[in-house]
Amino acid sequence: MNERRGTDVDAANLAQLYKFLGFLTHTLTDQSVKDMHTNLKAMARYDHKDYDAIIITVLSHGVEGRLYGSCGNLTPVRDLINIFNGDSAPTLVGKPKLFFLQACRG
């Protein structure tokens, strides 16, 4: 997999934008597929009762509805999004869950 040039700049700019919009930010880098699932599940279980929405942004490589982890394995985008369903993220029920994916091919 080729290095995604500019990713650090993109991530920093997005974090700055989200902070400007009033969001708390957490940046995780170089996540394996297992790490992505583990960290997103932990984020889904978090108590979001005092928050109005959540934004998840993934900057990676991808192909046809799947994203690469740093390990070189693929995970379906749908699997990541489904982590935030009502059963897994009860304090986000009825709140916007925004997913932004920047996934270059190759």
PDB file of N, CA and C in Angstrom:
ATOM      1  N   MET A   1       0.844  -1.171   0.000  1.00  0.00           N
ATOM      2  CA  MET A   1       0.000   0.000   0.000  1.00  0.00           C
ATOM      3  C   MET A   1       0.895   1.242   0.000  1.00  0.00           C
ATOM      4  N   ASN A   2       0.562   2.189  -0.826  1.00  0.00           N
ATOM      5  CA  ASN A   2       1.318   3.444  -0.877  1.00  0.00           C
ATOM      6  C   ASN A   2       0.966   4.324   0.318  1.00  0.00           C
ATOM      7  N   GLU A   3       1.923   5.159   0.704  1.00  0.00           N
ATOM      8  CA  GLU A   3       1.679   6.108   1.783  1.00  0.00           C
ATOM      9  C   GLU A   3       0.679   7.166   1.309  1.00  0.00           C
ATOM     10  N   ARG A   4      -0.240   7.528   2.162  1.00  0.00           N
ATOM     11  CA  ARG A   4      -1.202   8.590   1.844  1.00  0.00           C
ATOM     12  C   ARG A   4      -0.562   9.919   2.221  1.00  0.00           C
ATOM     13  N   ARG A   5       0.032  10.585   1.247  1.00  0.00           N
ATOM     14  CA  ARG A   5       0.693  11.860   1.505  1.00  0.00           C
ATOM     15  C   ARG A   5      -0.347  12.914   1.886  1.00  0.00           C
ATOM     16  N   GLY A   6      -0.025  13.701   2.874  1.00  0.00           N
ATOM     17  CA  GLY A   6      -0.924  14.772   3.292  1.00  0.00           C
ATOM     18  C   GLY A   6      -1.938  14.362   4.338  1.00  0.00           C
ATOM     19  N   THR A   7      -1.941  13.097   4.726  1.00  0.00           N
ATOM     20  CA  THR A   7      -2.931  12.615   5.693  1.00  0.00           C
ATOM     21  C   THR A   7      -2.816  13.341   7.028  1.00  0.00           C
ATOM     22  N   ASP A   8      -1.589  13.563   7.485  1.00  0.00           N
ATOM     23  CA  ASP A   8      -1.402  14.251   8.768  1.00  0.00           C
ATOM     24  C   ASP A   8      -1.966  15.664   8.714  1.00  0.00           C
ATOM     25  N   VAL A   9      -1.773  16.327   7.586  1.00  0.00           N
ATOM     26  CA  VAL A   9      -2.303  17.684   7.405  1.00  0.00           C
ATOM     27  C   VAL A   9      -3.824  17.639   7.374  1.00  0.00           C
ATOM     28  N   ASP A  10      -4.381  16.679   6.629  1.00  0.00           N
ATOM     29  CA  ASP A  10      -5.841  16.533   6.574  1.00  0.00           C
ATOM     30  C   ASP A  10      -6.416  16.280   7.964  1.00  0.00           C
ATOM     31  N   ALA A  11      -5.788  15.387   8.714  1.00  0.00           N
ATOM     32  CA  ALA A  11      -6.273  15.050  10.058  1.00  0.00           C
ATOM     33  C   ALA A  11      -6.211  16.265  10.977  1.00  0.00           C
ATOM     34  N   ALA A  12      -5.132  17.012  10.916  1.00  0.00           N
ATOM     35  CA  ALA A  12      -5.003  18.210  11.762  1.00  0.00           C
ATOM     36  C   ALA A  12      -6.032  19.264  11.380  1.00  0.00           C
ATOM     37  N   ASN A  13      -6.253  19.457  10.077  1.00  0.00           N
ATOM     38  CA  ASN A  13      -7.246  20.436   9.633  1.00  0.00           C
ATOM     39  C   ASN A  13      -8.662  20.038  10.044  1.00  0.00           C
ATOM     40  N   LEU A  14      -8.968  18.751   9.945  1.00  0.00           N
ATOM     41  CA  LEU A  14     -10.294  18.282  10.359  1.00  0.00           C
ATOM     42  C   LEU A  14     -10.486  18.437  11.862  1.00  0.00           C
ATOM     43  N   ALA A  15      -9.472  18.101  12.641  1.00  0.00           N
ATOM     44  CA  ALA A  15      -9.577  18.267  14.100  1.00  0.00           C
ATOM     45  C   ALA A  15      -9.813  19.732  14.447  1.00  0.00           C
ATOM     46  N   GLN A  16      -9.106  20.617  13.775  1.00  0.00           N
ATOM     47  CA  GLN A  16      -9.289  22.055  14.015  1.00  0.00           C
ATOM     48  C   GLN A  16     -10.702  22.484  13.646  1.00  0.00           C
ATOM     49  N   LEU A  17     -11.212  22.012  12.517  1.00  0.00           N
ATOM     50  CA  LEU A  17     -12.573  22.346  12.103  1.00  0.00           C
ATOM     51  C   LEU A  17     -13.595  21.824  13.109  1.00  0.00           C
ATOM     52  N   TYR A  18     -13.453  20.572  13.531  1.00  0.00           N
ATOM     53  CA  TYR A  18     -14.410  19.994  14.474  1.00  0.00           C
ATOM     54  C   TYR A  18     -14.387  20.742  15.809  1.00  0.00           C
ATOM     55  N   LYS A  19     -13.219  21.132  16.257  1.00  0.00           N
ATOM     56  CA  LYS A  19     -13.122  21.931  17.491  1.00  0.00           C
ATOM     57  C   LYS A  19     -13.820  23.272  17.311  1.00  0.00           C
ATOM     58  N   PHE A  20     -13.612  23.906  16.161  1.00  0.00           N
ATOM     59  CA  PHE A  20     -14.266  25.179  15.858  1.00  0.00           C
ATOM     60  C   PHE A  20     -15.789  25.028  15.904  1.00  0.00           C
ATOM     61  N   LEU A  21     -16.290  23.884  15.463  1.00  0.00           N
ATOM     62  CA  LEU A  21     -17.732  23.611  15.458  1.00  0.00           C
ATOM     63  C   LEU A  21     -18.259  23.168  16.825  1.00  0.00           C
ATOM     64  N   GLY A  22     -17.373  23.092  17.816  1.00  0.00           N
ATOM     65  CA  GLY A  22     -17.801  22.767  19.177  1.00  0.00           C
ATOM     66  C   GLY A  22     -17.701  21.302  19.560  1.00  0.00           C
ATOM     67  N   PHE A  23     -17.046  20.504  18.752  1.00  0.00           N
ATOM     68  CA  PHE A  23     -16.897  19.081  19.050  1.00  0.00           C
ATOM     69  C   PHE A  23     -15.617  18.830  19.832  1.00  0.00           C
ATOM     70  N   LEU A  24     -15.657  17.846  20.733  1.00  0.00           N
ATOM     71  CA  LEU A  24     -14.444  17.328  21.346  1.00  0.00           C
ATOM     72  C   LEU A  24     -13.806  16.412  20.307  1.00  0.00           C
ATOM     73  N   THR A  25     -12.485  16.361  20.254  1.00  0.00           N
ATOM     74  CA  THR A  25     -11.846  15.517  19.250  1.00  0.00           C
ATOM     75  C   THR A  25     -10.886  14.520  19.888  1.00  0.00           C
ATOM     76  N   HIS A  26     -10.797  13.376  19.256  1.00  0.00           N
ATOM     77  CA  HIS A  26      -9.851  12.326  19.621  1.00  0.00           C
ATOM     78  C   HIS A  26      -9.266  11.825  18.309  1.00  0.00           C
ATOM     79  N   THR A  27      -7.974  11.878  18.163  1.00  0.00           N
ATOM     80  CA  THR A  27      -7.323  11.426  16.941  1.00  0.00           C
ATOM     81  C   THR A  27      -6.550  10.143  17.222  1.00  0.00           C
ATOM     82  N   LEU A  28      -6.845   9.122  16.450  1.00  0.00           N
ATOM     83  CA  LEU A  28      -6.147   7.842  16.544  1.00  0.00           C
ATOM     84  C   LEU A  28      -5.468   7.606  15.197  1.00  0.00           C
ATOM     85  N   THR A  29      -4.218   7.200  15.221  1.00  0.00           N
ATOM     86  CA  THR A  29      -3.494   7.003  13.966  1.00  0.00           C
ATOM     87  C   THR A  29      -3.015   5.565  13.834  1.00  0.00           C
ATOM     88  N   ASP A  30      -2.799   5.174  12.578  1.00  0.00           N
ATOM     89  CA  ASP A  30      -2.233   3.858  12.255  1.00  0.00           C
ATOM     90  C   ASP A  30      -2.961   2.727  12.965  1.00  0.00           C
ATOM     91  N   GLN A  31      -4.260   2.656  12.744  1.00  0.00           N
ATOM     92  CA  GLN A  31      -5.096   1.650  13.396  1.00  0.00           C
ATOM     93  C   GLN A  31      -5.214   0.385  12.544  1.00  0.00           C
ATOM     94  N   SER A  32      -4.961  -0.760  13.144  1.00  0.00           N
ATOM     95  CA  SER A  32      -5.242  -2.035  12.473  1.00  0.00           C
ATOM     96  C   SER A  32      -6.766  -2.194  12.421  1.00  0.00           C
ATOM     97  N   VAL A  33      -7.231  -3.152  11.650  1.00  0.00           N
ATOM     98  CA  VAL A  33      -8.671  -3.419  11.604  1.00  0.00           C
ATOM     99  C   VAL A  33      -9.179  -3.746  13.010  1.00  0.00           C
ATOM    100  N   LYS A  34      -8.432  -4.569  13.732  1.00  0.00           N
ATOM    101  CA  LYS A  34      -8.830  -4.925  15.102  1.00  0.00           C
ATOM    102  C   LYS A  34      -8.896  -3.680  15.978  1.00  0.00           C
ATOM    103  N   ASP A  35      -7.886  -2.813  15.882  1.00  0.00           N
ATOM    104  CA  ASP A  35      -7.874  -1.577  16.664  1.00  0.00           C
ATOM    105  C   ASP A  35      -9.065  -0.686  16.315  1.00  0.00           C
ATOM    106  N   MET A  36      -9.369  -0.564  15.010  1.00  0.00           N
ATOM    107  CA  MET A  36     -10.511   0.262  14.593  1.00  0.00           C
ATOM    108  C   MET A  36     -11.786  -0.223  15.270  1.00  0.00           C
ATOM    109  N   HIS A  37     -12.023  -1.527  15.190  1.00  0.00           N
ATOM    110  CA  HIS A  37     -13.245  -2.089  15.774  1.00  0.00           C
ATOM    111  C   HIS A  37     -13.255  -1.920  17.294  1.00  0.00           C
ATOM    112  N   THR A  38     -12.136  -2.201  17.941  1.00  0.00           N
ATOM    113  CA  THR A  38     -12.055  -2.079  19.401  1.00  0.00           C
ATOM    114  C   THR A  38     -12.303  -0.643  19.844  1.00  0.00           C
ATOM    115  N   ASN A  39     -11.642   0.307  19.206  1.00  0.00           N
ATOM    116  CA  ASN A  39     -11.777   1.713  19.609  1.00  0.00           C
ATOM    117  C   ASN A  39     -13.148   2.283  19.279  1.00  0.00           C
ATOM    118  N   LEU A  40     -13.713   1.896  18.149  1.00  0.00           N
ATOM    119  CA  LEU A  40     -15.058   2.385  17.814  1.00  0.00           C
ATOM    120  C   LEU A  40     -16.111   1.773  18.739  1.00  0.00           C
ATOM    121  N   LYS A  41     -15.942   0.517  19.113  1.00  0.00           N
ATOM    122  CA  LYS A  41     -16.879  -0.099  20.071  1.00  0.00           C
ATOM    123  C   LYS A  41     -16.806   0.604  21.423  1.00  0.00           C
ATOM    124  N   ALA A  42     -15.607   0.944  21.850  1.00  0.00           N
ATOM    125  CA  ALA A  42     -15.461   1.688  23.113  1.00  0.00           C
ATOM    126  C   ALA A  42     -16.110   3.060  23.002  1.00  0.00           C
ATOM    127  N   MET A  43     -15.951   3.703  21.850  1.00  0.00           N
ATOM    128  CA  MET A  43     -16.559   5.017  21.638  1.00  0.00           C
ATOM    129  C   MET A  43     -18.086   4.905  21.626  1.00  0.00           C
ATOM    130  N   ALA A  44     -18.605   3.845  21.049  1.00  0.00           N
ATOM    131  CA  ALA A  44     -20.057   3.648  21.004  1.00  0.00           C
ATOM    132  C   ALA A  44     -20.629   3.437  22.403  1.00  0.00           C
ATOM    133  N   ARG A  45     -19.896   2.747  23.274  1.00  0.00           N
ATOM    134  CA  ARG A  45     -20.368   2.478  24.640  1.00  0.00           C
ATOM    135  C   ARG A  45     -20.274   3.698  25.555  1.00  0.00           C
ATOM    136  N   TYR A  46     -19.501   4.682  25.154  1.00  0.00           N
ATOM    137  CA  TYR A  46     -19.324   5.899  25.948  1.00  0.00           C
ATOM    138  C   TYR A  46     -20.681   6.532  26.237  1.00  0.00           C
ATOM    139  N   ASP A  47     -20.818   7.215  27.347  1.00  0.00           N
ATOM    140  CA  ASP A  47     -22.068   7.898  27.694  1.00  0.00           C
ATOM    141  C   ASP A  47     -22.132   9.242  26.967  1.00  0.00           C
ATOM    142  N   HIS A  48     -22.935   9.299  25.917  1.00  0.00           N
ATOM    143  CA  HIS A  48     -23.064  10.486  25.075  1.00  0.00           C
ATOM    144  C   HIS A  48     -24.267  11.358  25.452  1.00  0.00           C
ATOM    145  N   LYS A  49     -24.828  11.162  26.635  1.00  0.00           N
ATOM    146  CA  LYS A  49     -26.066  11.863  26.983  1.00  0.00           C
ATOM    147  C   LYS A  49     -25.915  13.381  26.960  1.00  0.00           C
ATOM    148  N   ASP A  50     -24.707  13.900  27.208  1.00  0.00           N
ATOM    149  CA  ASP A  50     -24.497  15.345  27.221  1.00  0.00           C
ATOM    150  C   ASP A  50     -24.059  15.901  25.866  1.00  0.00           C
ATOM    151  N   TYR A  51     -24.073  15.059  24.842  1.00  0.00           N
ATOM    152  CA  TYR A  51     -23.623  15.473  23.508  1.00  0.00           C
ATOM    153  C   TYR A  51     -24.776  15.368  22.519  1.00  0.00           C
ATOM    154  N   ASP A  52     -24.713  16.195  21.482  1.00  0.00           N
ATOM    155  CA  ASP A  52     -25.798  16.263  20.508  1.00  0.00           C
ATOM    156  C   ASP A  52     -25.581  15.404  19.273  1.00  0.00           C
ATOM    157  N   ALA A  53     -24.340  15.013  19.001  1.00  0.00           N
ATOM    158  CA  ALA A  53     -24.020  14.269  17.784  1.00  0.00           C
ATOM    159  C   ALA A  53     -22.633  13.664  17.923  1.00  0.00           C
ATOM    160  N   ILE A  54     -22.289  12.814  16.966  1.00  0.00           N
ATOM    161  CA  ILE A  54     -20.936  12.266  16.901  1.00  0.00           C
ATOM    162  C   ILE A  54     -20.481  12.293  15.446  1.00  0.00           C
ATOM    163  N   ILE A  55     -19.213  12.585  15.258  1.00  0.00           N
ATOM    164  CA  ILE A  55     -18.598  12.550  13.926  1.00  0.00           C
ATOM    165  C   ILE A  55     -17.452  11.552  13.975  1.00  0.00           C
ATOM    166  N   ILE A  56     -17.464  10.616  13.053  1.00  0.00           N
ATOM    167  CA  ILE A  56     -16.377   9.652  12.897  1.00  0.00           C
ATOM    168  C   ILE A  56     -15.759   9.917  11.528  1.00  0.00           C
ATOM    169  N   THR A  57     -14.468  10.154  11.497  1.00  0.00           N
ATOM    170  CA  THR A  57     -13.763  10.386  10.243  1.00  0.00           C
ATOM    171  C   THR A  57     -12.640   9.374  10.126  1.00  0.00           C
ATOM    172  N   VAL A  58     -12.571   8.709   8.982  1.00  0.00           N
ATOM    173  CA  VAL A  58     -11.516   7.724   8.736  1.00  0.00           C
ATOM    174  C   VAL A  58     -10.753   8.144   7.489  1.00  0.00           C
ATOM    175  N   LEU A  59      -9.448   8.261   7.632  1.00  0.00           N
ATOM    176  CA  LEU A  59      -8.556   8.568   6.514  1.00  0.00           C
ATOM    177  C   LEU A  59      -7.704   7.323   6.284  1.00  0.00           C
ATOM    178  N   SER A  60      -7.870   6.679   5.140  1.00  0.00           N
ATOM    179  CA  SER A  60      -7.191   5.419   4.895  1.00  0.00           C
ATOM    180  C   SER A  60      -7.143   5.140   3.406  1.00  0.00           C
ATOM    181  N   HIS A  61      -6.746   3.934   3.062  1.00  0.00           N
ATOM    182  CA  HIS A  61      -6.910   3.399   1.718  1.00  0.00           C
ATOM    183  C   HIS A  61      -8.175   2.560   1.748  1.00  0.00           C
ATOM    184  N   GLY A  62      -8.746   2.319   0.594  1.00  0.00           N
ATOM    185  CA  GLY A  62      -9.934   1.494   0.556  1.00  0.00           C
ATOM    186  C   GLY A  62     -10.206   0.969  -0.833  1.00  0.00           C
ATOM    187  N   VAL A  63     -11.168   0.082  -0.898  1.00  0.00           N
ATOM    188  CA  VAL A  63     -11.590  -0.492  -2.166  1.00  0.00           C
ATOM    189  C   VAL A  63     -13.026  -0.997  -2.017  1.00  0.00           C
ATOM    190  N   GLU A  64     -13.895  -0.569  -2.896  1.00  0.00           N
ATOM    191  CA  GLU A  64     -15.270  -1.070  -3.010  1.00  0.00           C
ATOM    192  C   GLU A  64     -15.969  -1.339  -1.682  1.00  0.00           C
ATOM    193  N   GLY A  65     -16.206  -0.303  -0.906  1.00  0.00           N
ATOM    194  CA  GLY A  65     -16.967  -0.433   0.332  1.00  0.00           C
ATOM    195  C   GLY A  65     -16.194  -1.001   1.502  1.00  0.00           C
ATOM    196  N   ARG A  66     -14.878  -1.093   1.365  1.00  0.00           N
ATOM    197  CA  ARG A  66     -14.048  -1.624   2.443  1.00  0.00           C
ATOM    198  C   ARG A  66     -12.864  -0.690   2.682  1.00  0.00           C
ATOM    199  N   LEU A  67     -12.394  -0.666   3.919  1.00  0.00           N
ATOM    200  CA  LEU A  67     -11.264   0.168   4.305  1.00  0.00           C
ATOM    201  C   LEU A  67     -10.114  -0.709   4.789  1.00  0.00           C
ATOM    202  N   TYR A  68      -8.905  -0.266   4.485  1.00  0.00           N
ATOM    203  CA  TYR A  68      -7.717  -0.959   4.978  1.00  0.00           C
ATOM    204  C   TYR A  68      -7.357  -0.472   6.365  1.00  0.00           C
ATOM    205  N   GLY A  69      -6.946  -1.395   7.212  1.00  0.00           N
ATOM    206  CA  GLY A  69      -6.307  -1.042   8.466  1.00  0.00           C
ATOM    207  C   GLY A  69      -4.811  -0.983   8.236  1.00  0.00           C
ATOM    208  N   SER A  70      -4.070  -0.500   9.214  1.00  0.00           N
ATOM    209  CA  SER A  70      -2.613  -0.417   9.079  1.00  0.00           C
ATOM    210  C   SER A  70      -1.976  -1.799   8.951  1.00  0.00           C
ATOM    211  N   CYS A  71      -2.706  -2.828   9.323  1.00  0.00           N
ATOM    212  CA  CYS A  71      -2.237  -4.209   9.238  1.00  0.00           C
ATOM    213  C   CYS A  71      -2.292  -4.763   7.817  1.00  0.00           C
ATOM    214  N   GLY A  72      -2.962  -4.032   6.916  1.00  0.00           N
ATOM    215  CA  GLY A  72      -3.112  -4.493   5.539  1.00  0.00           C
ATOM    216  C   GLY A  72      -4.389  -5.266   5.292  1.00  0.00           C
ATOM    217  N   ASN A  73      -5.170  -5.541   6.332  1.00  0.00           N
ATOM    218  CA  ASN A  73      -6.453  -6.232   6.187  1.00  0.00           C
ATOM    219  C   ASN A  73      -7.551  -5.230   5.889  1.00  0.00           C
ATOM    220  N   LEU A  74      -8.629  -5.732   5.286  1.00  0.00           N
ATOM    221  CA  LEU A  74      -9.787  -4.906   4.947  1.00  0.00           C
ATOM    222  C   LEU A  74     -10.922  -5.143   5.924  1.00  0.00           C
ATOM    223  N   THR A  75     -11.722  -4.094   6.139  1.00  0.00           N
ATOM    224  CA  THR A  75     -12.962  -4.224   6.911  1.00  0.00           C
ATOM    225  C   THR A  75     -14.072  -3.523   6.143  1.00  0.00           C
ATOM    226  N   PRO A  76     -15.241  -4.118   6.082  1.00  0.00           N
ATOM    227  CA  PRO A  76     -16.352  -3.442   5.409  1.00  0.00           C
ATOM    228  C   PRO A  76     -16.758  -2.160   6.149  1.00  0.00           C
ATOM    229  N   VAL A  77     -17.001  -1.110   5.393  1.00  0.00           N
ATOM    230  CA  VAL A  77     -17.449   0.157   5.981  1.00  0.00           C
ATOM    231  C   VAL A  77     -18.720  -0.074   6.790  1.00  0.00           C
ATOM    232  N   ARG A  78     -19.614  -0.885   6.272  1.00  0.00           N
ATOM    233  CA  ARG A  78     -20.894  -1.159   6.941  1.00  0.00           C
ATOM    234  C   ARG A  78     -20.659  -1.708   8.347  1.00  0.00           C
ATOM    235  N   ASP A  79     -19.641  -2.534   8.527  1.00  0.00           N
ATOM    236  CA  ASP A  79     -19.354  -3.087   9.856  1.00  0.00           C
ATOM    237  C   ASP A  79     -18.972  -1.990  10.844  1.00  0.00           C
ATOM    238  N   LEU A  80     -18.214  -0.997  10.373  1.00  0.00           N
ATOM    239  CA  LEU A  80     -17.821   0.113  11.253  1.00  0.00           C
ATOM    240  C   LEU A  80     -19.029   0.975  11.608  1.00  0.00           C
ATOM    241  N   ILE A  81     -19.864   1.254  10.631  1.00  0.00           N
ATOM    242  CA  ILE A  81     -21.048   2.080  10.869  1.00  0.00           C
ATOM    243  C   ILE A  81     -22.026   1.376  11.809  1.00  0.00           C
ATOM    244  N   ASN A  82     -22.187   0.072  11.627  1.00  0.00           N
ATOM    245  CA  ASN A  82     -23.138  -0.684  12.454  1.00  0.00           C
ATOM    246  C   ASN A  82     -22.748  -0.735  13.926  1.00  0.00           C
ATOM    247  N   ILE A  83     -21.495  -0.429  14.241  1.00  0.00           N
ATOM    248  CA  ILE A  83     -21.072  -0.377  15.638  1.00  0.00           C
ATOM    249  C   ILE A  83     -21.883   0.664  16.406  1.00  0.00           C
ATOM    250  N   PHE A  84     -22.406   1.653  15.697  1.00  0.00           N
ATOM    251  CA  PHE A  84     -23.125   2.753  16.346  1.00  0.00           C
ATOM    252  C   PHE A  84     -24.642   2.592  16.262  1.00  0.00           C
ATOM    253  N   ASN A  85     -25.120   1.341  16.214  1.00  0.00           N
ATOM    254  CA  ASN A  85     -26.570   1.124  16.220  1.00  0.00           C
ATOM    255  C   ASN A  85     -27.117   1.333  17.634  1.00  0.00           C
ATOM    256  N   GLY A  86     -28.412   1.309  17.763  1.00  0.00           N
ATOM    257  CA  GLY A  86     -29.068   1.601  19.036  1.00  0.00           C
ATOM    258  C   GLY A  86     -28.700   0.652  20.166  1.00  0.00           C
ATOM    259  N   ASP A  87     -28.429  -0.602  19.838  1.00  0.00           N
ATOM    260  CA  ASP A  87     -28.056  -1.573  20.879  1.00  0.00           C
ATOM    261  C   ASP A  87     -26.655  -1.299  21.421  1.00  0.00           C
ATOM    262  N   SER A  88     -25.739  -0.932  20.533  1.00  0.00           N
ATOM    263  CA  SER A  88     -24.343  -0.723  20.932  1.00  0.00           C
ATOM    264  C   SER A  88     -24.070   0.685  21.440  1.00  0.00           C
ATOM    265  N   ALA A  89     -24.871   1.640  20.982  1.00  0.00           N
ATOM    266  CA  ALA A  89     -24.663   3.048  21.351  1.00  0.00           C
ATOM    267  C   ALA A  89     -25.984   3.667  21.801  1.00  0.00           C
ATOM    268  N   PRO A  90     -26.546   3.184  22.917  1.00  0.00           N
ATOM    269  CA  PRO A  90     -27.883   3.622  23.317  1.00  0.00           C
ATOM    270  C   PRO A  90     -28.004   5.119  23.591  1.00  0.00           C
ATOM    271  N   THR A  91     -26.930   5.776  24.023  1.00  0.00           N
ATOM    272  CA  THR A  91     -27.049   7.213  24.309  1.00  0.00           C
ATOM    273  C   THR A  91     -26.892   8.067  23.054  1.00  0.00           C
ATOM    274  N   LEU A  92     -26.740   7.401  21.893  1.00  0.00           N
ATOM    275  CA  LEU A  92     -26.722   8.130  20.616  1.00  0.00           C
ATOM    276  C   LEU A  92     -28.014   7.928  19.823  1.00  0.00           C
ATOM    277  N   VAL A  93     -28.954   7.169  20.377  1.00  0.00           N
ATOM    278  CA  VAL A  93     -30.231   6.956  19.692  1.00  0.00           C
ATOM    279  C   VAL A  93     -30.912   8.312  19.481  1.00  0.00           C
ATOM    280  N   GLY A  94     -31.333   8.555  18.255  1.00  0.00           N
ATOM    281  CA  GLY A  94     -32.023   9.798  17.920  1.00  0.00           C
ATOM    282  C   GLY A  94     -31.088  10.976  17.685  1.00  0.00           C
ATOM    283  N   LYS A  95     -29.786  10.734  17.739  1.00  0.00           N
ATOM    284  CA  LYS A  95     -28.803  11.801  17.529  1.00  0.00           C
ATOM    285  C   LYS A  95     -28.069  11.555  16.217  1.00  0.00           C
ATOM    286  N   PRO A  96     -27.650  12.624  15.551  1.00  0.00           N
ATOM    287  CA  PRO A  96     -26.903  12.444  14.292  1.00  0.00           C
ATOM    288  C   PRO A  96     -25.575  11.729  14.525  1.00  0.00           C
ATOM    289  N   LYS A  97     -25.316  10.791  13.649  1.00  0.00           N
ATOM    290  CA  LYS A  97     -24.049  10.069  13.629  1.00  0.00           C
ATOM    291  C   LYS A  97     -23.480  10.289  12.224  1.00  0.00           C
ATOM    292  N   LEU A  98     -22.454  11.131  12.123  1.00  0.00           N
ATOM    293  CA  LEU A  98     -21.898  11.517  10.828  1.00  0.00           C
ATOM    294  C   LEU A  98     -20.611  10.754  10.574  1.00  0.00           C
ATOM    295  N   PHE A  99     -20.510  10.132   9.416  1.00  0.00           N
ATOM    296  CA  PHE A  99     -19.328   9.366   9.044  1.00  0.00           C
ATOM    297  C   PHE A  99     -18.730   9.985   7.789  1.00  0.00           C
ATOM    298  N   PHE A 100     -17.470  10.382   7.874  1.00  0.00           N
ATOM    299  CA  PHE A 100     -16.743  10.916   6.740  1.00  0.00           C
ATOM    300  C   PHE A 100     -15.578   9.983   6.460  1.00  0.00           C
ATOM    301  N   LEU A 101     -15.500   9.494   5.236  1.00  0.00           N
ATOM    302  CA  LEU A 101     -14.471   8.539   4.857  1.00  0.00           C
ATOM    303  C   LEU A 101     -13.659   9.106   3.700  1.00  0.00           C
ATOM    304  N   GLN A 102     -12.352   9.174   3.885  1.00  0.00           N
ATOM    305  CA  GLN A 102     -11.423   9.541   2.816  1.00  0.00           C
ATOM    306  C   GLN A 102     -10.591   8.305   2.572  1.00  0.00           C
ATOM    307  N   ALA A 103     -10.932   7.560   1.540  1.00  0.00           N
ATOM    308  CA  ALA A 103     -10.271   6.286   1.306  1.00  0.00           C
ATOM    309  C   ALA A 103      -9.744   6.225  -0.119  1.00  0.00           C
ATOM    310  N   CYS A 104      -8.460   6.483  -0.280  1.00  0.00           N
ATOM    311  CA  CYS A 104      -7.817   6.416  -1.580  1.00  0.00           C
ATOM    312  C   CYS A 104      -7.654   4.963  -1.984  1.00  0.00           C
ATOM    313  N   ARG A 105      -7.748   4.717  -3.259  1.00  0.00           N
ATOM    314  CA  ARG A 105      -7.477   3.359  -3.758  1.00  0.00           C
ATOM    315  C   ARG A 105      -5.976   3.165  -3.907  1.00  0.00           C
ATOM    316  N   GLY A 106      -5.530   1.949  -3.590  1.00  0.00           N
ATOM    317  CA  GLY A 106      -4.129   1.634  -3.861  1.00  0.00           C
ATOM    318  C   GLY A 106      -3.172   1.869  -2.775  1.00  0.00           C
TER     319      GLY A 106
END
